[in-house]
């Protein structure tokens, strides 16, 4: 998927600057919400401490006590993680919807994976992935949310990277977005394989690290996208003549 560069028009640039700034801020805020909620919830989990390498991300949203795949779940600040799950995808979707440049099928190519990511986050926040959830049926909603998030977020990163000219992203950011999206999809496949091959109630090694390979790269990529959009907007603002120039 390729695109051509858009030549800025001074009057048009003046009109879209506030919206571009809003899109950039939202794309920075969405991933930041997730990563900050994860950090705060993990820091509160002690005795034994929470492991980013071995524990599921979803464990941080389980009030517990509960056990699943040999992992004990009891998150003191479960509500912080669930709030982060619920909000981060909605904020990213708002940021993508605020972007100006892609039109027609290109706009839908961005909105659809962003909507999947958003819906996934909402499901994760509403249906924590506890051992009990696997028995009462709500675990299916959590699983759907997780995979919607994995696939939506990583496909979104790839599409954003392929449209970097139209979005006026730097070549480095564009290539990085495609790269992190591919890494995330490969990690998602590894995550699925690890769960399918695991025996009931047995530990799944470095599943936390694998799961973060499916999420953190695209989150950081989207955050950098927002920062790049903000930087380009500041440059436009510096070049655009004022109303009395």
C-alpha atoms as a PDB file:
ATOM      1  CA  UNK A   1       0.000   0.000   0.000  1.00  0.00           C
ATOM      2  CA  UNK A   2       1.634   3.237  -1.139  1.00  0.00           C
ATOM      3  CA  UNK A   3       0.601   6.864  -1.210  1.00  0.00           C
ATOM      4  CA  UNK A   4       1.798  10.187  -2.553  1.00  0.00           C
ATOM      5  CA  UNK A   5       2.880  13.224  -0.609  1.00  0.00           C
ATOM      6  CA  UNK A   6       0.443  16.073  -0.159  1.00  0.00           C
ATOM      7  CA  UNK A   7       1.628  19.613  -0.802  1.00  0.00           C
ATOM      8  CA  UNK A   8       0.523  21.847   2.081  1.00  0.00           C
ATOM      9  CA  UNK A   9      -1.704  24.822   1.299  1.00  0.00           C
ATOM     10  CA  UNK A  10      -1.204  27.721   3.782  1.00  0.00           C
ATOM     11  CA  UNK A  11      -4.890  28.562   4.230  1.00  0.00           C
ATOM     12  CA  UNK A  12      -5.908  24.909   4.431  1.00  0.00           C
ATOM     13  CA  UNK A  13      -3.100  24.206   6.890  1.00  0.00           C
ATOM     14  CA  UNK A  14      -4.361  26.977   9.172  1.00  0.00           C
ATOM     15  CA  UNK A  15      -7.819  25.389   9.191  1.00  0.00           C
ATOM     16  CA  UNK A  16      -6.635  21.865  10.042  1.00  0.00           C
ATOM     17  CA  UNK A  17      -3.920  22.696  12.596  1.00  0.00           C
ATOM     18  CA  UNK A  18      -6.173  22.405  15.695  1.00  0.00           C
ATOM     19  CA  UNK A  19      -7.607  19.097  14.476  1.00  0.00           C
ATOM     20  CA  UNK A  20      -4.159  17.753  13.628  1.00  0.00           C
ATOM     21  CA  UNK A  21      -2.942  18.743  17.076  1.00  0.00           C
ATOM     22  CA  UNK A  22      -5.922  16.978  18.666  1.00  0.00           C
ATOM     23  CA  UNK A  23      -5.241  13.805  16.657  1.00  0.00           C
ATOM     24  CA  UNK A  24      -1.595  13.837  17.740  1.00  0.00           C
ATOM     25  CA  UNK A  25      -2.455  14.359  21.393  1.00  0.00           C
ATOM     26  CA  UNK A  26      -4.997  11.528  21.360  1.00  0.00           C
ATOM     27  CA  UNK A  27      -2.563   9.123  19.704  1.00  0.00           C
ATOM     28  CA  UNK A  28      -0.010   9.930  22.393  1.00  0.00           C
ATOM     29  CA  UNK A  29      -2.575   9.708  25.206  1.00  0.00           C
ATOM     30  CA  UNK A  30      -4.105   6.326  24.218  1.00  0.00           C
ATOM     31  CA  UNK A  31      -0.934   4.217  24.498  1.00  0.00           C
ATOM     32  CA  UNK A  32       0.206   6.259  27.515  1.00  0.00           C
ATOM     33  CA  UNK A  33      -3.028   5.364  29.340  1.00  0.00           C
ATOM     34  CA  UNK A  34      -2.426   1.642  28.794  1.00  0.00           C
ATOM     35  CA  UNK A  35       1.266   1.668  29.710  1.00  0.00           C
ATOM     36  CA  UNK A  36       0.755   3.857  32.775  1.00  0.00           C
ATOM     37  CA  UNK A  37      -2.176   1.772  34.041  1.00  0.00           C
ATOM     38  CA  UNK A  38      -0.095  -1.382  33.553  1.00  0.00           C
ATOM     39  CA  UNK A  39       2.861   0.090  35.430  1.00  0.00           C
ATOM     40  CA  UNK A  40       0.767   1.340  38.367  1.00  0.00           C
ATOM     41  CA  UNK A  41      -1.182  -1.921  38.737  1.00  0.00           C
ATOM     42  CA  UNK A  42       2.000  -4.013  38.483  1.00  0.00           C
ATOM     43  CA  UNK A  43       3.843  -1.860  41.027  1.00  0.00           C
ATOM     44  CA  UNK A  44       1.047  -2.414  43.558  1.00  0.00           C
ATOM     45  CA  UNK A  45       1.238  -6.215  43.160  1.00  0.00           C
ATOM     46  CA  UNK A  46       3.711  -7.494  45.765  1.00  0.00           C
ATOM     47  CA  UNK A  47       4.449 -10.637  47.771  1.00  0.00           C
ATOM     48  CA  UNK A  48       5.260 -12.142  45.346  1.00  0.00           C
ATOM     49  CA  UNK A  49       5.920  -9.379  42.874  1.00  0.00           C
ATOM     50  CA  UNK A  50       4.255  -9.238  39.486  1.00  0.00           C
ATOM     51  CA  UNK A  51       6.428 -10.451  36.585  1.00  0.00           C
ATOM     52  CA  UNK A  52       6.339  -8.702  33.197  1.00  0.00           C
ATOM     53  CA  UNK A  53       8.087 -11.793  31.775  1.00  0.00           C
ATOM     54  CA  UNK A  54       5.966 -14.637  33.146  1.00  0.00           C
ATOM     55  CA  UNK A  55       2.538 -13.198  34.042  1.00  0.00           C
ATOM     56  CA  UNK A  56      -0.338 -12.373  31.704  1.00  0.00           C
ATOM     57  CA  UNK A  57      -1.137  -8.687  31.277  1.00  0.00           C
ATOM     58  CA  UNK A  58      -4.775  -9.552  32.032  1.00  0.00           C
ATOM     59  CA  UNK A  59      -3.813 -10.753  35.524  1.00  0.00           C
ATOM     60  CA  UNK A  60      -3.506  -7.084  36.488  1.00  0.00           C
ATOM     61  CA  UNK A  61      -7.256  -6.656  35.945  1.00  0.00           C
ATOM     62  CA  UNK A  62      -8.328  -9.608  38.127  1.00  0.00           C
ATOM     63  CA  UNK A  63      -9.478  -8.802  41.652  1.00  0.00           C
ATOM     64  CA  UNK A  64      -9.116 -12.453  42.667  1.00  0.00           C
ATOM     65  CA  UNK A  65      -8.025 -14.521  44.327  1.00  0.00           C
ATOM     66  CA  UNK A  66      -8.062 -16.757  41.269  1.00  0.00           C
ATOM     67  CA  UNK A  67      -5.796 -19.164  39.409  1.00  0.00           C
ATOM     68  CA  UNK A  68      -5.402 -19.814  35.685  1.00  0.00           C
ATOM     69  CA  UNK A  69      -2.625 -21.620  33.781  1.00  0.00           C
ATOM     70  CA  UNK A  70      -0.835 -22.072  37.076  1.00  0.00           C
ATOM     71  CA  UNK A  71      -0.754 -18.308  37.724  1.00  0.00           C
ATOM     72  CA  UNK A  72      -2.166 -16.862  40.937  1.00  0.00           C
ATOM     73  CA  UNK A  73      -4.176 -13.688  40.319  1.00  0.00           C
ATOM     74  CA  UNK A  74      -4.941 -11.068  42.930  1.00  0.00           C
ATOM     75  CA  UNK A  75      -4.387  -7.519  41.702  1.00  0.00           C
ATOM     76  CA  UNK A  76      -4.710  -4.847  44.429  1.00  0.00           C
ATOM     77  CA  UNK A  77      -5.375  -2.134  41.817  1.00  0.00           C
ATOM     78  CA  UNK A  78      -7.369  -4.270  39.375  1.00  0.00           C
ATOM     79  CA  UNK A  79      -9.694  -1.333  38.688  1.00  0.00           C
ATOM     80  CA  UNK A  80      -6.780   0.788  37.456  1.00  0.00           C
ATOM     81  CA  UNK A  81      -5.867  -1.802  34.799  1.00  0.00           C
ATOM     82  CA  UNK A  82      -9.474  -2.369  33.783  1.00  0.00           C
ATOM     83  CA  UNK A  83     -10.001   1.382  33.436  1.00  0.00           C
ATOM     84  CA  UNK A  84      -6.867   1.518  31.285  1.00  0.00           C
ATOM     85  CA  UNK A  85      -8.130  -1.354  29.131  1.00  0.00           C
ATOM     86  CA  UNK A  86     -11.489   0.353  28.693  1.00  0.00           C
ATOM     87  CA  UNK A  87     -10.145   3.795  27.804  1.00  0.00           C
ATOM     88  CA  UNK A  88      -6.972   3.317  25.763  1.00  0.00           C
ATOM     89  CA  UNK A  89      -8.590   1.907  22.609  1.00  0.00           C
ATOM     90  CA  UNK A  90     -11.389   4.470  22.666  1.00  0.00           C
ATOM     91  CA  UNK A  91      -8.840   7.296  22.846  1.00  0.00           C
ATOM     92  CA  UNK A  92      -6.789   5.806  19.993  1.00  0.00           C
ATOM     93  CA  UNK A  93      -9.938   5.421  17.873  1.00  0.00           C
ATOM     94  CA  UNK A  94     -10.788   9.070  18.520  1.00  0.00           C
ATOM     95  CA  UNK A  95      -7.268  10.020  17.424  1.00  0.00           C
ATOM     96  CA  UNK A  96      -7.515   8.023  14.195  1.00  0.00           C
ATOM     97  CA  UNK A  97     -10.962   9.474  13.466  1.00  0.00           C
ATOM     98  CA  UNK A  98      -9.499  12.968  13.913  1.00  0.00           C
ATOM     99  CA  UNK A  99      -6.802  12.457  11.288  1.00  0.00           C
ATOM    100  CA  UNK A 100      -7.129  14.402   8.075  1.00  0.00           C
ATOM    101  CA  UNK A 101      -5.420  13.298   4.872  1.00  0.00           C
ATOM    102  CA  UNK A 102      -6.559   9.740   4.165  1.00  0.00           C
ATOM    103  CA  UNK A 103      -9.920   9.647   2.389  1.00  0.00           C
ATOM    104  CA  UNK A 104     -12.172   6.994   0.862  1.00  0.00           C
ATOM    105  CA  UNK A 105     -10.903   3.441   1.272  1.00  0.00           C
ATOM    106  CA  UNK A 106      -7.746   4.686   2.977  1.00  0.00           C
ATOM    107  CA  UNK A 107      -9.783   6.212   5.772  1.00  0.00           C
ATOM    108  CA  UNK A 108     -11.701   2.980   6.249  1.00  0.00           C
ATOM    109  CA  UNK A 109      -8.440   1.028   6.213  1.00  0.00           C
ATOM    110  CA  UNK A 110      -7.458   3.044   9.296  1.00  0.00           C
ATOM    111  CA  UNK A 111     -10.839   3.175  11.030  1.00  0.00           C
ATOM    112  CA  UNK A 112     -11.634  -0.549  10.886  1.00  0.00           C
ATOM    113  CA  UNK A 113      -8.566  -1.862  12.745  1.00  0.00           C
ATOM    114  CA  UNK A 114      -8.803   1.103  15.147  1.00  0.00           C
ATOM    115  CA  UNK A 115     -12.422   0.142  15.862  1.00  0.00           C
ATOM    116  CA  UNK A 116     -11.369  -3.484  16.460  1.00  0.00           C
ATOM    117  CA  UNK A 117      -8.686  -2.289  18.879  1.00  0.00           C
ATOM    118  CA  UNK A 118     -11.193  -0.061  20.663  1.00  0.00           C
ATOM    119  CA  UNK A 119     -13.811  -2.816  20.969  1.00  0.00           C
ATOM    120  CA  UNK A 120     -11.130  -5.187  22.222  1.00  0.00           C
ATOM    121  CA  UNK A 121     -10.083  -2.795  24.964  1.00  0.00           C
ATOM    122  CA  UNK A 122     -13.681  -2.340  26.106  1.00  0.00           C
ATOM    123  CA  UNK A 123     -14.209  -6.119  26.308  1.00  0.00           C
ATOM    124  CA  UNK A 124     -10.976  -6.575  28.253  1.00  0.00           C
ATOM    125  CA  UNK A 125     -12.020  -3.922  30.752  1.00  0.00           C
ATOM    126  CA  UNK A 126     -15.538  -5.290  31.230  1.00  0.00           C
ATOM    127  CA  UNK A 127     -14.685  -9.010  31.360  1.00  0.00           C
ATOM    128  CA  UNK A 128     -11.507  -9.733  33.391  1.00  0.00           C
ATOM    129  CA  UNK A 129      -9.696 -12.935  32.435  1.00  0.00           C
ATOM    130  CA  UNK A 130      -9.875 -14.924  35.680  1.00  0.00           C
ATOM    131  CA  UNK A 131     -10.051 -18.664  36.186  1.00  0.00           C
ATOM    132  CA  UNK A 132     -13.717 -18.300  37.118  1.00  0.00           C
ATOM    133  CA  UNK A 133     -14.387 -16.429  33.861  1.00  0.00           C
ATOM    134  CA  UNK A 134     -13.214 -19.479  31.930  1.00  0.00           C
ATOM    135  CA  UNK A 135     -15.921 -21.515  33.669  1.00  0.00           C
ATOM    136  CA  UNK A 136     -18.845 -19.072  33.576  1.00  0.00           C
ATOM    137  CA  UNK A 137     -18.489 -18.167  29.884  1.00  0.00           C
ATOM    138  CA  UNK A 138     -17.352 -14.564  30.231  1.00  0.00           C
ATOM    139  CA  UNK A 139     -13.799 -15.661  29.504  1.00  0.00           C
ATOM    140  CA  UNK A 140     -14.810 -15.984  25.848  1.00  0.00           C
ATOM    141  CA  UNK A 141     -15.536 -12.244  25.719  1.00  0.00           C
ATOM    142  CA  UNK A 142     -12.159 -11.547  27.290  1.00  0.00           C
ATOM    143  CA  UNK A 143     -10.423 -13.756  24.724  1.00  0.00           C
ATOM    144  CA  UNK A 144     -12.265 -12.065  21.844  1.00  0.00           C
ATOM    145  CA  UNK A 145     -11.221  -8.695  23.251  1.00  0.00           C
ATOM    146  CA  UNK A 146      -7.587  -9.743  23.514  1.00  0.00           C
ATOM    147  CA  UNK A 147      -7.337 -10.967  19.941  1.00  0.00           C
ATOM    148  CA  UNK A 148      -9.300  -8.014  18.579  1.00  0.00           C
ATOM    149  CA  UNK A 149      -6.763  -5.811  20.331  1.00  0.00           C
ATOM    150  CA  UNK A 150      -3.725  -7.769  19.110  1.00  0.00           C
ATOM    151  CA  UNK A 151      -4.869  -7.889  15.496  1.00  0.00           C
ATOM    152  CA  UNK A 152      -6.450  -4.437  15.372  1.00  0.00           C
ATOM    153  CA  UNK A 153      -3.489  -2.661  16.948  1.00  0.00           C
ATOM    154  CA  UNK A 154      -0.826  -4.329  14.833  1.00  0.00           C
ATOM    155  CA  UNK A 155      -2.725  -4.022  11.550  1.00  0.00           C
ATOM    156  CA  UNK A 156      -3.369  -0.366  12.382  1.00  0.00           C
ATOM    157  CA  UNK A 157       0.369   0.190  12.865  1.00  0.00           C
ATOM    158  CA  UNK A 158       1.147  -1.375   9.477  1.00  0.00           C
ATOM    159  CA  UNK A 159      -1.528   0.675   7.687  1.00  0.00           C
ATOM    160  CA  UNK A 160      -0.367   3.910   9.331  1.00  0.00           C
ATOM    161  CA  UNK A 161       3.199   3.162   8.293  1.00  0.00           C
ATOM    162  CA  UNK A 162       2.177   2.472   4.690  1.00  0.00           C
ATOM    163  CA  UNK A 163       0.369   5.837   4.570  1.00  0.00           C
ATOM    164  CA  UNK A 164       3.206   7.817   6.094  1.00  0.00           C
ATOM    165  CA  UNK A 165       3.498  10.243   3.140  1.00  0.00           C
ATOM    166  CA  UNK A 166      -0.148  11.246   3.267  1.00  0.00           C
ATOM    167  CA  UNK A 167       0.020  11.564   7.050  1.00  0.00           C
ATOM    168  CA  UNK A 168       3.318  13.456   6.761  1.00  0.00           C
ATOM    169  CA  UNK A 169       5.181  11.075   9.039  1.00  0.00           C
ATOM    170  CA  UNK A 170       8.953  10.817   8.755  1.00  0.00           C
ATOM    171  CA  UNK A 171      10.354   7.844   6.798  1.00  0.00           C
ATOM    172  CA  UNK A 172      11.818   6.491  10.033  1.00  0.00           C
ATOM    173  CA  UNK A 173       8.459   6.500  11.805  1.00  0.00           C
ATOM    174  CA  UNK A 174       6.758   4.948   8.776  1.00  0.00           C
ATOM    175  CA  UNK A 175       9.235   2.057   8.587  1.00  0.00           C
ATOM    176  CA  UNK A 176       9.129   1.582  12.352  1.00  0.00           C
ATOM    177  CA  UNK A 177       5.327   1.301  12.314  1.00  0.00           C
ATOM    178  CA  UNK A 178       5.390  -1.447   9.683  1.00  0.00           C
ATOM    179  CA  UNK A 179       8.159  -3.250  11.567  1.00  0.00           C
ATOM    180  CA  UNK A 180       6.421  -3.179  14.962  1.00  0.00           C
ATOM    181  CA  UNK A 181       3.172  -4.323  13.348  1.00  0.00           C
ATOM    182  CA  UNK A 182       4.901  -7.361  11.854  1.00  0.00           C
ATOM    183  CA  UNK A 183       6.639  -8.104  15.160  1.00  0.00           C
ATOM    184  CA  UNK A 184       3.282  -7.870  16.919  1.00  0.00           C
ATOM    185  CA  UNK A 185       1.549 -10.260  14.511  1.00  0.00           C
ATOM    186  CA  UNK A 186       4.379 -12.804  14.833  1.00  0.00           C
ATOM    187  CA  UNK A 187       4.200 -12.480  18.636  1.00  0.00           C
ATOM    188  CA  UNK A 188       0.428 -12.978  18.479  1.00  0.00           C
ATOM    189  CA  UNK A 189       0.957 -16.255  16.628  1.00  0.00           C
ATOM    190  CA  UNK A 190       3.483 -17.282  19.288  1.00  0.00           C
ATOM    191  CA  UNK A 191       1.006 -16.343  22.024  1.00  0.00           C
ATOM    192  CA  UNK A 192      -1.719 -18.500  20.503  1.00  0.00           C
ATOM    193  CA  UNK A 193       0.660 -21.425  20.031  1.00  0.00           C
ATOM    194  CA  UNK A 194       1.843 -21.189  23.651  1.00  0.00           C
ATOM    195  CA  UNK A 195      -1.704 -21.333  25.005  1.00  0.00           C
ATOM    196  CA  UNK A 196      -2.835 -24.128  22.668  1.00  0.00           C
ATOM    197  CA  UNK A 197       0.167 -26.287  23.565  1.00  0.00           C
ATOM    198  CA  UNK A 198      -0.072 -25.635  27.315  1.00  0.00           C
ATOM    199  CA  UNK A 199      -1.498 -28.300  29.601  1.00  0.00           C
ATOM    200  CA  UNK A 200      -4.400 -27.365  31.869  1.00  0.00           C
ATOM    201  CA  UNK A 201      -3.354 -25.454  34.975  1.00  0.00           C
ATOM    202  CA  UNK A 202       0.323 -25.505  33.962  1.00  0.00           C
ATOM    203  CA  UNK A 203       2.646 -22.527  33.752  1.00  0.00           C
ATOM    204  CA  UNK A 204       3.344 -21.137  30.259  1.00  0.00           C
ATOM    205  CA  UNK A 205       6.945 -20.016  30.632  1.00  0.00           C
ATOM    206  CA  UNK A 206       7.593 -16.510  29.329  1.00  0.00           C
ATOM    207  CA  UNK A 207       4.009 -15.914  28.202  1.00  0.00           C
ATOM    208  CA  UNK A 208       4.069 -12.390  29.676  1.00  0.00           C
ATOM    209  CA  UNK A 209       7.014 -11.455  27.471  1.00  0.00           C
ATOM    210  CA  UNK A 210       5.397 -12.987  24.384  1.00  0.00           C
ATOM    211  CA  UNK A 211       2.114 -11.165  25.067  1.00  0.00           C
ATOM    212  CA  UNK A 212       3.954  -7.880  25.484  1.00  0.00           C
ATOM    213  CA  UNK A 213       5.619  -8.540  22.143  1.00  0.00           C
ATOM    214  CA  UNK A 214       2.108  -8.497  20.674  1.00  0.00           C
ATOM    215  CA  UNK A 215       1.098  -5.250  22.406  1.00  0.00           C
ATOM    216  CA  UNK A 216       3.908  -2.957  23.511  1.00  0.00           C
ATOM    217  CA  UNK A 217       5.585  -2.475  20.110  1.00  0.00           C
ATOM    218  CA  UNK A 218       2.416  -1.187  18.448  1.00  0.00           C
ATOM    219  CA  UNK A 219       1.561   0.936  21.491  1.00  0.00           C
ATOM    220  CA  UNK A 220       4.966   2.601  21.376  1.00  0.00           C
ATOM    221  CA  UNK A 221       4.639   2.940  17.596  1.00  0.00           C
ATOM    222  CA  UNK A 222       1.279   4.719  17.914  1.00  0.00           C
ATOM    223  CA  UNK A 223       2.678   6.978  20.622  1.00  0.00           C
ATOM    224  CA  UNK A 224       5.560   7.937  18.315  1.00  0.00           C
ATOM    225  CA  UNK A 225       3.050   8.525  15.510  1.00  0.00           C
ATOM    226  CA  UNK A 226       1.177  10.999  17.677  1.00  0.00           C
ATOM    227  CA  UNK A 227       4.410  12.742  18.606  1.00  0.00           C
ATOM    228  CA  UNK A 228       5.419  12.949  14.939  1.00  0.00           C
ATOM    229  CA  UNK A 229       2.050  14.443  14.010  1.00  0.00           C
ATOM    230  CA  UNK A 230       2.363  17.015  16.791  1.00  0.00           C
ATOM    231  CA  UNK A 231       5.860  17.925  15.655  1.00  0.00           C
ATOM    232  CA  UNK A 232       4.732  18.367  12.045  1.00  0.00           C
ATOM    233  CA  UNK A 233       1.838  20.518  13.261  1.00  0.00           C
ATOM    234  CA  UNK A 234       4.216  22.762  15.196  1.00  0.00           C
ATOM    235  CA  UNK A 235       6.364  23.174  12.087  1.00  0.00           C
ATOM    236  CA  UNK A 236       3.289  24.103  10.039  1.00  0.00           C
ATOM    237  CA  UNK A 237       2.247  26.604  12.686  1.00  0.00           C
ATOM    238  CA  UNK A 238       5.677  28.221  12.521  1.00  0.00           C
ATOM    239  CA  UNK A 239       5.557  28.483   8.734  1.00  0.00           C
ATOM    240  CA  UNK A 240       1.916  29.551   8.334  1.00  0.00           C
ATOM    241  CA  UNK A 241       1.488  33.354   8.138  1.00  0.00           C
ATOM    242  CA  UNK A 242      -0.842  34.937  10.670  1.00  0.00           C
ATOM    243  CA  UNK A 243      -4.147  36.609   9.660  1.00  0.00           C
ATOM    244  CA  UNK A 244      -2.470  40.034   9.468  1.00  0.00           C
ATOM    245  CA  UNK A 245       0.751  38.958   7.750  1.00  0.00           C
END
